[in-house]
PDB file of all heavy atoms in Angstrom:
ATOM      1  N   GLY A   1     138.146  94.025 139.443  1.00  0.00           N
ATOM      2  CA  GLY A   1     137.140  93.789 138.421  1.00  0.00           C
ATOM      3  C   GLY A   1     135.803  93.514 138.855  1.00  0.00           C
ATOM      4  O   GLY A   1     134.898  93.036 138.086  1.00  0.00           O
ATOM      5  N   ALA A   2     135.413  93.918 140.137  1.00  0.00           N
ATOM      6  CA  ALA A   2     134.073  93.555 140.620  1.00  0.00           C
ATOM      7  C   ALA A   2     132.928  94.633 140.309  1.00  0.00           C
ATOM      8  O   ALA A   2     131.844  94.423 140.732  1.00  0.00           O
ATOM      9  CB  ALA A   2     134.130  93.224 142.081  1.00  0.00           C
ATOM     10  N   LEU A   3     133.157  95.644 139.717  1.00  0.00           N
ATOM     11  CA  LEU A   3     132.247  96.789 139.501  1.00  0.00           C
ATOM     12  C   LEU A   3     131.005  96.251 138.683  1.00  0.00           C
ATOM     13  O   LEU A   3     131.119  95.388 137.774  1.00  0.00           O
ATOM     14  CB  LEU A   3     132.954  97.938 138.775  1.00  0.00           C
ATOM     15  CG  LEU A   3     132.047  99.090 138.425  1.00  0.00           C
ATOM     16  CD1 LEU A   3     131.487  99.771 139.580  1.00  0.00           C
ATOM     17  CD2 LEU A   3     132.843 100.028 137.471  1.00  0.00           C
ATOM     18  N   SER A   4     129.826  96.657 139.132  1.00  0.00           N
ATOM     19  CA  SER A   4     128.570  96.574 138.356  1.00  0.00           C
ATOM     20  C   SER A   4     128.111  98.077 138.166  1.00  0.00           C
ATOM     21  O   SER A   4     128.126  98.725 139.067  1.00  0.00           O
ATOM     22  CB  SER A   4     127.657  95.743 139.091  1.00  0.00           C
ATOM     23  OG  SER A   4     127.991  94.439 139.386  1.00  0.00           O
ATOM     24  N   ALA A   5     127.854  98.415 136.879  1.00  0.00           N
ATOM     25  CA  ALA A   5     127.556  99.818 136.702  1.00  0.00           C
ATOM     26  C   ALA A   5     126.624  99.878 135.502  1.00  0.00           C
ATOM     27  O   ALA A   5     126.643  99.119 134.577  1.00  0.00           O
ATOM     28  CB  ALA A   5     128.730 100.721 136.551  1.00  0.00           C
ATOM     29  N   SER A   6     125.771 100.994 135.512  1.00  0.00           N
ATOM     30  CA  SER A   6     125.004 101.362 134.286  1.00  0.00           C
ATOM     31  C   SER A   6     125.850 102.099 133.255  1.00  0.00           C
ATOM     32  O   SER A   6     126.866 102.553 133.691  1.00  0.00           O
ATOM     33  CB  SER A   6     123.772 102.161 134.698  1.00  0.00           C
ATOM     34  OG  SER A   6     124.204 103.498 135.152  1.00  0.00           O
ATOM     35  N   GLY A   7     125.361 102.127 132.057  1.00  0.00           N
ATOM     36  CA  GLY A   7     126.086 102.855 131.050  1.00  0.00           C
ATOM     37  C   GLY A   7     126.140 104.269 131.349  1.00  0.00           C
ATOM     38  O   GLY A   7     127.278 104.994 131.155  1.00  0.00           O
ATOM     39  N   THR A   8     125.089 105.019 131.845  1.00  0.00           N
ATOM     40  CA  THR A   8     125.154 106.436 131.943  1.00  0.00           C
ATOM     41  C   THR A   8     126.100 106.774 133.240  1.00  0.00           C
ATOM     42  O   THR A   8     126.665 107.784 133.236  1.00  0.00           O
ATOM     43  CB  THR A   8     123.710 107.035 132.289  1.00  0.00           C
ATOM     44  OG1 THR A   8     123.055 106.201 133.292  1.00  0.00           O
ATOM     45  CG2 THR A   8     123.001 106.991 130.983  1.00  0.00           C
ATOM     46  N   ASP A   9     126.042 105.834 134.258  1.00  0.00           N
ATOM     47  CA  ASP A   9     127.047 106.020 135.287  1.00  0.00           C
ATOM     48  C   ASP A   9     128.493 106.059 134.802  1.00  0.00           C
ATOM     49  O   ASP A   9     129.282 106.856 135.333  1.00  0.00           O
ATOM     50  CB  ASP A   9     126.866 104.917 136.390  1.00  0.00           C
ATOM     51  CG  ASP A   9     125.823 105.293 137.440  1.00  0.00           C
ATOM     52  OD1 ASP A   9     125.030 106.353 137.193  1.00  0.00           O
ATOM     53  OD2 ASP A   9     125.683 104.596 138.406  1.00  0.00           O
ATOM     54  N   MET A  10     128.787 105.153 133.995  1.00  0.00           N
ATOM     55  CA  MET A  10     130.172 105.036 133.433  1.00  0.00           C
ATOM     56  C   MET A  10     130.368 106.319 132.576  1.00  0.00           C
ATOM     57  O   MET A  10     131.600 106.802 132.463  1.00  0.00           O
ATOM     58  CB  MET A  10     130.302 103.790 132.558  1.00  0.00           C
ATOM     59  CG  MET A  10     130.337 102.601 133.355  1.00  0.00           C
ATOM     60  SD  MET A  10     131.472 102.565 134.795  1.00  0.00           S
ATOM     61  CE  MET A  10     133.121 102.642 133.882  1.00  0.00           C
ATOM     62  N   GLY A  11     129.326 106.763 132.066  1.00  0.00           N
ATOM     63  CA  GLY A  11     129.417 108.158 131.229  1.00  0.00           C
ATOM     64  C   GLY A  11     129.952 109.250 132.230  1.00  0.00           C
ATOM     65  O   GLY A  11     130.683 110.025 131.892  1.00  0.00           O
ATOM     66  N   ARG A  12     129.203 109.332 133.382  1.00  0.00           N
ATOM     67  CA  ARG A  12     129.664 110.413 134.429  1.00  0.00           C
ATOM     68  C   ARG A  12     131.044 110.112 134.851  1.00  0.00           C
ATOM     69  O   ARG A  12     131.803 111.121 135.159  1.00  0.00           O
ATOM     70  CB  ARG A  12     128.683 110.346 135.496  1.00  0.00           C
ATOM     71  CG  ARG A  12     127.251 110.514 135.139  1.00  0.00           C
ATOM     72  CD  ARG A  12     126.292 110.494 136.292  1.00  0.00           C
ATOM     73  NE  ARG A  12     126.422 111.511 137.221  1.00  0.00           N
ATOM     74  CZ  ARG A  12     126.041 112.921 137.067  1.00  0.00           C
ATOM     75  NH1 ARG A  12     125.331 113.129 136.009  1.00  0.00           N
ATOM     76  NH2 ARG A  12     126.336 113.830 138.053  1.00  0.00           N
ATOM     77  N   PHE A  13     131.512 108.847 135.001  1.00  0.00           N
ATOM     78  CA  PHE A  13     132.836 108.648 135.451  1.00  0.00           C
ATOM     79  C   PHE A  13     133.828 109.142 134.401  1.00  0.00           C
ATOM     80  O   PHE A  13     134.895 109.781 134.699  1.00  0.00           O
ATOM     81  CB  PHE A  13     133.025 107.195 135.643  1.00  0.00           C
ATOM     82  CG  PHE A  13     134.430 106.704 136.171  1.00  0.00           C
ATOM     83  CD1 PHE A  13     134.704 106.920 137.483  1.00  0.00           C
ATOM     84  CD2 PHE A  13     135.299 106.101 135.215  1.00  0.00           C
ATOM     85  CE1 PHE A  13     136.058 106.595 137.945  1.00  0.00           C
ATOM     86  CE2 PHE A  13     136.583 105.810 135.726  1.00  0.00           C
ATOM     87  CZ  PHE A  13     136.933 106.021 137.017  1.00  0.00           C
ATOM     88  N   MET A  14     133.529 108.891 133.009  1.00  0.00           N
ATOM     89  CA  MET A  14     134.497 109.415 132.015  1.00  0.00           C
ATOM     90  C   MET A  14     134.498 110.886 131.976  1.00  0.00           C
ATOM     91  O   MET A  14     135.567 111.446 131.850  1.00  0.00           O
ATOM     92  CB  MET A  14     133.942 108.984 130.641  1.00  0.00           C
ATOM     93  CG  MET A  14     133.976 107.299 130.422  1.00  0.00           C
ATOM     94  SD  MET A  14     133.810 106.914 128.700  1.00  0.00           S
ATOM     95  CE  MET A  14     131.970 107.145 128.524  1.00  0.00           C
ATOM     96  N   ILE A  15     133.327 111.583 132.230  1.00  0.00           N
ATOM     97  CA  ILE A  15     133.297 113.144 132.168  1.00  0.00           C
ATOM     98  C   ILE A  15     134.234 113.662 133.293  1.00  0.00           C
ATOM     99  O   ILE A  15     134.921 114.620 133.093  1.00  0.00           O
ATOM    100  CB  ILE A  15     131.924 113.572 132.355  1.00  0.00           C
ATOM    101  CG1 ILE A  15     131.004 113.219 131.025  1.00  0.00           C
ATOM    102  CG2 ILE A  15     131.847 115.122 132.510  1.00  0.00           C
ATOM    103  CD1 ILE A  15     129.647 113.565 131.186  1.00  0.00           C
ATOM    104  N   ALA A  16     134.054 113.062 134.510  1.00  0.00           N
ATOM    105  CA  ALA A  16     134.917 113.479 135.578  1.00  0.00           C
ATOM    106  C   ALA A  16     136.366 113.385 135.281  1.00  0.00           C
ATOM    107  O   ALA A  16     137.109 114.331 135.631  1.00  0.00           O
ATOM    108  CB  ALA A  16     134.632 112.687 136.865  1.00  0.00           C
ATOM    109  N   HIS A  17     136.871 112.334 134.610  1.00  0.00           N
ATOM    110  CA  HIS A  17     138.276 112.313 134.200  1.00  0.00           C
ATOM    111  C   HIS A  17     138.603 113.098 133.084  1.00  0.00           C
ATOM    112  O   HIS A  17     139.744 113.854 132.991  1.00  0.00           O
ATOM    113  CB  HIS A  17     138.649 110.823 133.979  1.00  0.00           C
ATOM    114  CG  HIS A  17     138.912 110.023 135.121  1.00  0.00           C
ATOM    115  ND1 HIS A  17     140.195 110.149 135.800  1.00  0.00           N
ATOM    116  CD2 HIS A  17     138.239 109.167 135.918  1.00  0.00           C
ATOM    117  CE1 HIS A  17     140.221 109.238 136.932  1.00  0.00           C
ATOM    118  NE2 HIS A  17     139.030 108.782 136.972  1.00  0.00           N
ATOM    119  N   LEU A  18     137.688 113.363 132.109  1.00  0.00           N
ATOM    120  CA  LEU A  18     137.918 114.289 131.011  1.00  0.00           C
ATOM    121  C   LEU A  18     138.070 115.614 131.526  1.00  0.00           C
ATOM    122  O   LEU A  18     138.740 116.504 130.954  1.00  0.00           O
ATOM    123  CB  LEU A  18     136.871 114.108 130.037  1.00  0.00           C
ATOM    124  CG  LEU A  18     136.907 112.946 129.129  1.00  0.00           C
ATOM    125  CD1 LEU A  18     135.598 112.830 128.301  1.00  0.00           C
ATOM    126  CD2 LEU A  18     138.072 112.995 128.137  1.00  0.00           C
ATOM    127  N   GLN A  19     137.315 115.996 132.639  1.00  0.00           N
ATOM    128  CA  GLN A  19     137.404 117.281 133.194  1.00  0.00           C
ATOM    129  C   GLN A  19     138.368 117.358 134.365  1.00  0.00           C
ATOM    130  O   GLN A  19     138.084 118.225 135.411  1.00  0.00           O
ATOM    131  CB  GLN A  19     135.955 117.700 133.644  1.00  0.00           C
ATOM    132  CG  GLN A  19     135.108 117.851 132.515  1.00  0.00           C
ATOM    133  CD  GLN A  19     133.630 118.311 132.792  1.00  0.00           C
ATOM    134  OE1 GLN A  19     132.975 118.818 131.916  1.00  0.00           O
ATOM    135  NE2 GLN A  19     133.194 118.202 134.008  1.00  0.00           N
ATOM    136  N   HIS A  20     139.393 116.686 134.420  1.00  0.00           N
ATOM    137  CA  HIS A  20     140.491 116.807 135.356  1.00  0.00           C
ATOM    138  C   HIS A  20     139.929 116.514 136.796  1.00  0.00           C
ATOM    139  O   HIS A  20     140.444 117.157 137.695  1.00  0.00           O
ATOM    140  CB  HIS A  20     141.250 118.139 135.203  1.00  0.00           C
ATOM    141  CG  HIS A  20     141.606 118.512 133.836  1.00  0.00           C
ATOM    142  ND1 HIS A  20     142.685 118.023 133.254  1.00  0.00           N
ATOM    143  CD2 HIS A  20     140.997 119.248 133.007  1.00  0.00           C
ATOM    144  CE1 HIS A  20     142.756 118.524 132.022  1.00  0.00           C
ATOM    145  NE2 HIS A  20     141.767 119.251 131.848  1.00  0.00           N
ATOM    146  N   GLY A  21     139.018 115.567 136.870  1.00  0.00           N
ATOM    147  CA  GLY A  21     138.652 115.188 138.229  1.00  0.00           C
ATOM    148  C   GLY A  21     137.416 115.851 138.816  1.00  0.00           C
ATOM    149  O   GLY A  21     137.193 115.695 140.065  1.00  0.00           O
ATOM    150  N   GLU A  22     136.621 116.636 137.942  1.00  0.00           N
ATOM    151  CA  GLU A  22     135.488 117.245 138.429  1.00  0.00           C
ATOM    152  C   GLU A  22     134.229 117.073 137.620  1.00  0.00           C
ATOM    153  O   GLU A  22     134.353 116.907 136.408  1.00  0.00           O
ATOM    154  CB  GLU A  22     135.811 118.696 138.477  1.00  0.00           C
ATOM    155  CG  GLU A  22     134.757 119.610 139.104  1.00  0.00           C
ATOM    156  CD  GLU A  22     133.626 120.110 138.115  1.00  0.00           C
ATOM    157  OE1 GLU A  22     133.991 120.204 136.870  1.00  0.00           O
ATOM    158  OE2 GLU A  22     132.625 120.463 138.385  1.00  0.00           O
ATOM    159  N   LEU A  23     133.043 117.021 138.330  1.00  0.00           N
ATOM    160  CA  LEU A  23     131.857 116.862 137.592  1.00  0.00           C
ATOM    161  C   LEU A  23     130.667 117.476 138.430  1.00  0.00           C
ATOM    162  O   LEU A  23     130.433 117.323 139.558  1.00  0.00           O
ATOM    163  CB  LEU A  23     131.394 115.360 137.391  1.00  0.00           C
ATOM    164  CG  LEU A  23     130.002 115.093 136.933  1.00  0.00           C
ATOM    165  CD1 LEU A  23     129.994 115.636 135.416  1.00  0.00           C
ATOM    166  CD2 LEU A  23     129.672 113.596 136.819  1.00  0.00           C
ATOM    167  N   ASP A  24     130.046 118.456 137.702  1.00  0.00           N
ATOM    168  CA  ASP A  24     128.840 119.137 138.373  1.00  0.00           C
ATOM    169  C   ASP A  24     129.250 119.789 139.782  1.00  0.00           C
ATOM    170  O   ASP A  24     128.499 119.730 140.797  1.00  0.00           O
ATOM    171  CB  ASP A  24     127.666 118.236 138.595  1.00  0.00           C
ATOM    172  CG  ASP A  24     127.069 117.740 137.246  1.00  0.00           C
ATOM    173  OD1 ASP A  24     127.269 118.373 136.209  1.00  0.00           O
ATOM    174  OD2 ASP A  24     126.460 116.723 137.296  1.00  0.00           O
ATOM    175  N   GLY A  25     130.433 120.384 139.681  1.00  0.00           N
ATOM    176  CA  GLY A  25     130.875 121.071 140.956  1.00  0.00           C
ATOM    177  C   GLY A  25     131.448 120.166 142.064  1.00  0.00           C
ATOM    178  O   GLY A  25     131.961 120.565 143.010  1.00  0.00           O
ATOM    179  N   GLN A  26     131.433 118.856 141.772  1.00  0.00           N
ATOM    180  CA  GLN A  26     131.977 117.804 142.660  1.00  0.00           C
ATOM    181  C   GLN A  26     133.352 117.409 142.167  1.00  0.00           C
ATOM    182  O   GLN A  26     133.486 116.908 141.056  1.00  0.00           O
ATOM    183  CB  GLN A  26     131.090 116.659 142.820  1.00  0.00           C
ATOM    184  CG  GLN A  26     129.777 116.810 143.489  1.00  0.00           C
ATOM    185  CD  GLN A  26     129.848 117.359 144.939  1.00  0.00           C
ATOM    186  OE1 GLN A  26     130.435 116.776 145.644  1.00  0.00           O
ATOM    187  NE2 GLN A  26     129.039 118.450 145.252  1.00  0.00           N
ATOM    188  N   ARG A  27     134.425 117.581 143.016  1.00  0.00           N
ATOM    189  CA  ARG A  27     135.609 117.207 142.623  1.00  0.00           C
ATOM    190  C   ARG A  27     136.114 115.983 143.353  1.00  0.00           C
ATOM    191  O   ARG A  27     136.205 115.853 144.590  1.00  0.00           O
ATOM    192  CB  ARG A  27     136.730 118.353 142.982  1.00  0.00           C
ATOM    193  CG  ARG A  27     138.053 118.098 142.426  1.00  0.00           C
ATOM    194  CD  ARG A  27     138.991 119.348 142.421  1.00  0.00           C
ATOM    195  NE  ARG A  27     138.626 120.215 141.301  1.00  0.00           N
ATOM    196  CZ  ARG A  27     138.877 119.887 140.069  1.00  0.00           C
ATOM    197  NH1 ARG A  27     139.568 118.900 139.739  1.00  0.00           N
ATOM    198  NH2 ARG A  27     138.466 120.716 139.064  1.00  0.00           N
ATOM    199  N   ILE A  28     136.511 114.967 142.615  1.00  0.00           N
ATOM    200  CA  ILE A  28     136.978 113.547 143.160  1.00  0.00           C
ATOM    201  C   ILE A  28     138.466 113.648 143.132  1.00  0.00           C
ATOM    202  O   ILE A  28     139.056 112.770 143.874  1.00  0.00           O
ATOM    203  CB  ILE A  28     136.389 112.367 142.417  1.00  0.00           C
ATOM    204  CG1 ILE A  28     136.821 112.380 140.967  1.00  0.00           C
ATOM    205  CG2 ILE A  28     134.913 112.411 142.641  1.00  0.00           C
ATOM    206  CD1 ILE A  28     136.513 111.156 140.235  1.00  0.00           C
ATOM    207  N   LEU A  29     139.213 114.536 142.364  1.00  0.00           N
ATOM    208  CA  LEU A  29     140.654 114.479 142.321  1.00  0.00           C
ATOM    209  C   LEU A  29     140.986 115.971 142.190  1.00  0.00           C
ATOM    210  O   LEU A  29     140.490 116.682 141.347  1.00  0.00           O
ATOM    211  CB  LEU A  29     141.173 113.731 141.204  1.00  0.00           C
ATOM    212  CG  LEU A  29     141.191 112.085 141.280  1.00  0.00           C
ATOM    213  CD1 LEU A  29     141.628 111.591 139.930  1.00  0.00           C
ATOM    214  CD2 LEU A  29     142.022 111.674 142.446  1.00  0.00           C
TER     215      LEU A  29
END
């Protein structure tokens, strides 16, 4: 539970998971 994050950063995290692990050509899973 130690994360500190901006709202838009959390938006990018959500998009990556909604897109099966990828965002802007970068794949984390």
